[in-house]
Amino acid sequence: MQSTTNTNLRLPDPLKVHGGDVADNWKRFREQWTNYEVASDLSTASAEKRGAVFLACIGSDAFDVYRTLSLRVCNIVLHTVCAACFLPH
């Protein structure tokens, strides 16, 4: 079982970036993430917080992919930028 936050909501399963249908894995993760954002009221949080939680949720394999990307904005990770980075992968 995944960790939970103080809202007692289950976090999305980590994004699977190896094996299987990676595009479908992304679609599934994105849907779970969107539901989590709304249910936890994270959708009204700052972009910096949303980005940090997003990166904490994607899992270590996907985080390794993120670390190879050159797109960073003033060292502040923006949620929408993070999500967009995974679209072509």
Protein backbone atom coordinates (compact mmCIF):
# COMPACT_ATOMS: atom_id res chain seq x y z
CA MET A 1 0.00 0.00 0.00
CA GLN A 2 1.26 3.46 -0.89
CA SER A 3 1.94 6.15 1.65
CA THR A 4 -0.71 8.68 2.46
CA THR A 5 -0.62 12.36 3.29
CA ASN A 6 -2.38 14.11 6.12
CA THR A 7 -5.56 13.94 4.02
CA ASN A 8 -5.56 10.13 4.40
CA LEU A 9 -5.87 9.70 0.66
CA ARG A 10 -3.94 7.00 -1.14
CA LEU A 11 -1.22 8.44 -3.36
CA PRO A 12 -1.21 7.51 -7.06
CA ASP A 13 0.79 4.40 -7.90
CA PRO A 14 4.30 5.27 -9.13
CA LEU A 15 4.65 5.93 -12.85
CA LYS A 16 6.01 2.85 -14.64
CA VAL A 17 8.49 4.04 -17.26
CA HIS A 18 10.02 0.67 -18.17
CA GLY A 19 8.37 -2.26 -19.87
CA GLY A 20 4.78 -2.65 -20.91
CA ASP A 21 2.84 0.12 -22.58
CA VAL A 22 4.57 3.25 -21.29
CA ALA A 23 2.04 5.56 -22.96
CA ASP A 24 -0.83 3.75 -21.25
CA ASN A 25 1.11 3.77 -17.96
CA TRP A 26 1.44 7.54 -18.29
CA LYS A 27 -2.26 7.95 -19.06
CA ARG A 28 -3.21 5.88 -16.01
CA PHE A 29 -0.82 7.77 -13.74
CA ARG A 30 -2.03 11.13 -15.05
CA GLU A 31 -5.67 10.22 -14.38
CA GLN A 32 -4.82 9.05 -10.85
CA TRP A 33 -2.77 12.21 -10.29
CA THR A 34 -5.58 14.49 -11.45
CA ASN A 35 -8.04 12.75 -9.12
CA TYR A 36 -5.57 12.97 -6.24
CA GLU A 37 -5.00 16.70 -6.82
CA VAL A 38 -8.70 17.44 -6.68
CA ALA A 39 -9.51 15.14 -3.76
CA SER A 40 -6.63 16.46 -1.65
CA ASP A 41 -7.26 20.14 -2.50
CA LEU A 42 -3.75 20.21 -3.93
CA SER A 43 -5.13 21.81 -7.09
CA THR A 44 -5.39 25.09 -5.17
CA ALA A 45 -1.85 24.90 -3.75
CA SER A 46 1.13 26.81 -5.11
CA ALA A 47 2.80 25.56 -8.28
CA GLU A 48 5.96 24.86 -6.30
CA LYS A 49 4.12 22.62 -3.84
CA ARG A 50 2.18 20.86 -6.58
CA GLY A 51 5.41 20.20 -8.46
CA ALA A 52 7.15 18.86 -5.37
CA VAL A 53 4.29 16.49 -4.55
CA PHE A 54 4.08 15.41 -8.18
CA LEU A 55 7.79 14.54 -8.19
CA ALA A 56 7.43 12.71 -4.88
CA CYS A 57 4.60 10.62 -6.34
CA ILE A 58 6.10 9.60 -9.68
CA GLY A 59 8.45 7.04 -8.15
CA SER A 60 12.20 6.61 -8.35
CA ASP A 61 12.39 5.30 -11.95
CA ALA A 62 10.34 8.19 -13.32
CA PHE A 63 12.26 10.62 -11.12
CA ASP A 64 15.47 9.37 -12.74
CA VAL A 65 13.94 10.20 -16.14
CA TYR A 66 12.96 13.64 -14.84
CA ARG A 67 16.54 14.26 -13.69
CA THR A 68 17.79 13.74 -17.26
CA LEU A 69 15.54 16.51 -18.59
CA SER A 70 17.11 19.93 -19.03
CA LEU A 71 13.94 21.91 -18.40
CA ARG A 72 14.07 23.74 -15.06
CA VAL A 73 12.68 27.19 -14.35
CA CYS A 74 14.63 29.15 -11.73
CA ASN A 75 15.05 25.90 -9.75
CA ILE A 76 11.31 25.93 -9.09
CA VAL A 77 9.51 22.90 -10.45
CA LEU A 78 6.15 23.83 -11.91
CA HIS A 79 3.52 21.13 -11.84
CA THR A 80 2.31 21.65 -15.38
CA VAL A 81 5.87 21.69 -16.67
CA CYS A 82 6.65 18.45 -14.83
CA ALA A 83 3.62 16.72 -16.27
CA ALA A 84 4.36 18.01 -19.77
CA CYS A 85 7.94 16.70 -19.57
CA PHE A 86 6.69 13.12 -19.49
CA LEU A 87 4.34 13.38 -22.45
CA PRO A 88 6.91 12.45 -25.14
CA HIS A 89 8.45 9.66 -23.04
